[in-house]
């Protein structure tokens, strides 16, 4: 009985580890400033080549800039929380 419990527990831990790693990677990419900066550069390049209309460009730029602000706010909140935790 304990062997079965151990096997089930190990498979659950392995699955949990995989999901945790996927979550960490997605979060790292989602909150990476350099990714958003790169997307802004690509957006500008597409606009200059004529692949996007001015309206499309402005809409996507607004979305990316909002995302960049959210990333900076999150980083600031994390920094403030770590300072409060260290007091």
Protein backbone atom coordinates (compact mmCIF):
# COMPACT_ATOMS: atom_id res chain seq x y z
CA UNK A 1 0.00 0.00 0.00
CA UNK A 2 2.78 2.44 0.85
CA UNK A 3 4.55 1.71 -2.42
CA UNK A 4 1.46 2.69 -4.38
CA UNK A 5 1.09 5.84 -2.30
CA UNK A 6 4.74 6.69 -2.92
CA UNK A 7 4.38 6.15 -6.67
CA UNK A 8 1.25 8.30 -6.83
CA UNK A 9 2.89 11.01 -4.74
CA UNK A 10 6.03 11.01 -6.90
CA UNK A 11 4.05 11.28 -10.12
CA UNK A 12 2.05 14.15 -8.63
CA UNK A 13 5.24 15.93 -7.56
CA UNK A 14 6.73 15.45 -11.03
CA UNK A 15 3.62 16.84 -12.67
CA UNK A 16 3.56 19.74 -10.20
CA UNK A 17 7.21 20.49 -11.03
CA UNK A 18 6.49 20.58 -14.78
CA UNK A 19 3.54 22.93 -14.33
CA UNK A 20 5.54 25.16 -11.99
CA UNK A 21 8.35 25.42 -14.55
CA UNK A 22 5.91 26.26 -17.34
CA UNK A 23 4.31 28.92 -15.15
CA UNK A 24 7.70 30.41 -14.25
CA UNK A 25 8.77 30.58 -17.90
CA UNK A 26 5.51 32.17 -19.03
CA UNK A 27 5.64 34.70 -16.20
CA UNK A 28 9.28 35.54 -16.97
CA UNK A 29 8.49 36.18 -20.62
CA UNK A 30 5.29 38.04 -19.87
CA UNK A 31 7.01 40.43 -17.46
CA UNK A 32 10.25 40.87 -19.40
CA UNK A 33 10.82 44.50 -20.40
CA UNK A 34 13.24 43.56 -23.17
CA UNK A 35 10.56 41.44 -24.86
CA UNK A 36 8.16 44.39 -24.94
CA UNK A 37 10.91 46.73 -26.19
CA UNK A 38 11.68 44.24 -28.96
CA UNK A 39 8.00 44.06 -29.89
CA UNK A 40 7.85 47.85 -30.05
CA UNK A 41 10.84 47.92 -32.40
CA UNK A 42 9.29 45.24 -34.61
CA UNK A 43 6.02 47.15 -34.63
CA UNK A 44 7.76 50.34 -35.73
CA UNK A 45 9.65 48.43 -38.42
CA UNK A 46 6.40 46.94 -39.76
CA UNK A 47 4.80 50.38 -39.82
CA UNK A 48 7.75 51.92 -41.65
CA UNK A 49 7.59 49.15 -44.25
CA UNK A 50 3.91 49.86 -44.78
CA UNK A 51 2.73 46.52 -43.40
CA UNK A 52 0.52 48.31 -40.84
CA UNK A 53 -1.83 51.24 -41.14
CA UNK A 54 -1.36 54.16 -38.79
CA UNK A 55 -4.48 53.11 -36.88
CA UNK A 56 -3.20 49.54 -36.41
CA UNK A 57 0.20 50.86 -35.39
CA UNK A 58 -1.22 53.25 -32.81
CA UNK A 59 -3.54 50.60 -31.36
CA UNK A 60 -0.77 48.02 -30.96
CA UNK A 61 1.67 50.63 -29.67
CA UNK A 62 -0.84 51.69 -27.02
CA UNK A 63 -1.27 48.07 -25.93
CA UNK A 64 2.49 47.49 -25.72
CA UNK A 65 3.11 50.72 -23.82
CA UNK A 66 0.36 49.81 -21.35
CA UNK A 67 1.99 46.41 -20.90
CA UNK A 68 5.35 48.10 -20.33
CA UNK A 69 3.81 50.38 -17.68
CA UNK A 70 2.25 47.35 -15.98
CA UNK A 71 5.63 45.60 -15.92
CA UNK A 72 7.29 48.65 -14.36
CA UNK A 73 4.52 48.97 -11.77
CA UNK A 74 4.84 45.28 -10.90
CA UNK A 75 8.61 45.62 -10.52
CA UNK A 76 8.13 48.65 -8.30
CA UNK A 77 5.56 46.82 -6.16
CA UNK A 78 7.89 43.85 -5.78
CA UNK A 79 10.78 46.14 -4.80
CA UNK A 80 8.61 47.97 -2.25
CA UNK A 81 7.34 44.69 -0.81
CA UNK A 82 10.87 43.35 -0.43
CA UNK A 83 11.92 46.56 1.33
CA UNK A 84 9.00 46.32 3.73
CA UNK A 85 9.78 42.67 4.34
CA UNK A 86 13.37 43.51 5.22
CA UNK A 87 12.42 46.06 7.88
